[in-house]
Protein backbone atom coordinates (compact mmCIF):
# COMPACT_ATOMS: atom_id res chain seq x y z
CA UNK A 1 2.88 -36.64 -25.95
CA UNK A 2 1.98 -34.16 -28.37
CA UNK A 3 3.51 -34.28 -31.49
CA UNK A 4 5.34 -30.90 -33.11
CA UNK A 5 2.22 -29.92 -35.05
CA UNK A 6 -0.17 -30.36 -31.98
CA UNK A 7 1.95 -28.46 -29.79
CA UNK A 8 2.51 -25.46 -32.46
CA UNK A 9 -1.47 -25.41 -32.86
CA UNK A 10 -2.31 -25.35 -29.07
CA UNK A 11 0.42 -22.33 -28.74
CA UNK A 12 -1.07 -20.83 -31.71
CA UNK A 13 -4.41 -21.02 -30.25
CA UNK A 14 -3.44 -19.50 -26.99
CA UNK A 15 -1.99 -16.46 -28.88
CA UNK A 16 -4.82 -15.86 -30.90
CA UNK A 17 -6.89 -15.86 -27.63
CA UNK A 18 -4.69 -13.11 -26.44
CA UNK A 19 -4.60 -11.04 -29.57
CA UNK A 20 -8.13 -11.03 -29.37
CA UNK A 21 -8.70 -10.23 -25.98
CA UNK A 22 -6.36 -7.22 -26.52
CA UNK A 23 -8.01 -6.29 -29.78
CA UNK A 24 -11.51 -6.44 -28.21
CA UNK A 25 -10.04 -3.98 -25.34
CA UNK A 26 -8.77 -1.88 -28.02
CA UNK A 27 -12.21 -1.79 -29.94
CA UNK A 28 -14.19 -1.16 -26.57
CA UNK A 29 -11.81 1.63 -25.56
CA UNK A 30 -11.87 3.39 -28.66
CA UNK A 31 -15.92 2.43 -29.02
CA UNK A 32 -15.47 0.76 -32.13
CA UNK A 33 -17.66 -1.99 -32.55
CA UNK A 34 -16.35 -3.33 -36.00
CA UNK A 35 -13.07 -3.87 -34.35
CA UNK A 36 -14.50 -5.73 -31.47
CA UNK A 37 -17.01 -7.65 -33.76
CA UNK A 38 -13.87 -8.86 -35.89
CA UNK A 39 -11.26 -9.66 -33.32
CA UNK A 40 -14.78 -11.85 -31.83
CA UNK A 41 -15.06 -13.42 -34.75
CA UNK A 42 -11.67 -15.13 -35.05
CA UNK A 43 -12.22 -17.24 -31.84
CA UNK A 44 -15.92 -17.99 -31.42
CA UNK A 45 -17.24 -21.00 -31.35
CA UNK A 46 -16.85 -22.07 -35.47
CA UNK A 47 -12.94 -21.46 -34.91
CA UNK A 48 -13.00 -24.55 -31.89
CA UNK A 49 -13.64 -27.18 -34.74
CA UNK A 50 -10.27 -26.51 -36.24
CA UNK A 51 -7.07 -28.13 -35.11
CA UNK A 52 -5.31 -31.53 -35.67
CA UNK A 53 -7.71 -34.45 -34.76
CA UNK A 54 -5.34 -36.32 -33.30
CA UNK A 55 -5.59 -33.69 -29.95
CA UNK A 56 -8.69 -35.19 -29.20
CA UNK A 57 -7.30 -38.24 -27.03
CA UNK A 58 -4.45 -36.61 -25.92
CA UNK A 59 -5.67 -33.16 -24.25
CA UNK A 60 -6.86 -33.62 -20.66
CA UNK A 61 -10.50 -33.42 -20.04
CA UNK A 62 -10.10 -30.22 -18.01
CA UNK A 63 -8.04 -28.33 -21.09
CA UNK A 64 -10.52 -29.62 -23.67
CA UNK A 65 -13.27 -28.51 -21.53
CA UNK A 66 -11.88 -25.02 -20.72
CA UNK A 67 -10.78 -24.59 -24.72
CA UNK A 68 -14.60 -25.31 -25.47
CA UNK A 69 -15.98 -23.19 -23.01
CA UNK A 70 -13.58 -20.16 -24.15
CA UNK A 71 -14.34 -20.38 -27.74
CA UNK A 72 -18.40 -20.69 -26.39
CA UNK A 73 -17.66 -17.57 -24.40
CA UNK A 74 -16.12 -15.44 -27.21
CA UNK A 75 -19.23 -16.50 -29.53
CA UNK A 76 -21.42 -15.12 -26.84
CA UNK A 77 -19.78 -11.94 -27.05
CA UNK A 78 -20.48 -11.73 -30.69
CA UNK A 79 -23.94 -11.93 -29.71
CA UNK A 80 -23.94 -9.03 -26.86
CA UNK A 81 -22.38 -6.93 -29.36
CA UNK A 82 -24.62 -7.27 -32.17
CA UNK A 83 -27.17 -6.61 -29.76
CA UNK A 84 -25.91 -3.92 -27.57
CA UNK A 85 -24.16 -2.40 -30.38
């Protein structure tokens, strides 16, 4: 069972993913690479390190793998955006 703090963190992270995807889509549509870079930078691999340590043992392994992979792919998007402009 998650505590209120842990639950709020998970929900906030999910909202961050969605708002970042929206900002990335807008940036691509407007050909605004700086908007894309800013949106991606908020959820890259480094952001995956944030959060309550107590979550590690409580979340299902499939969720943890998906979370890690999602952050990693946002990080890869930053590299692609830098290279491709």
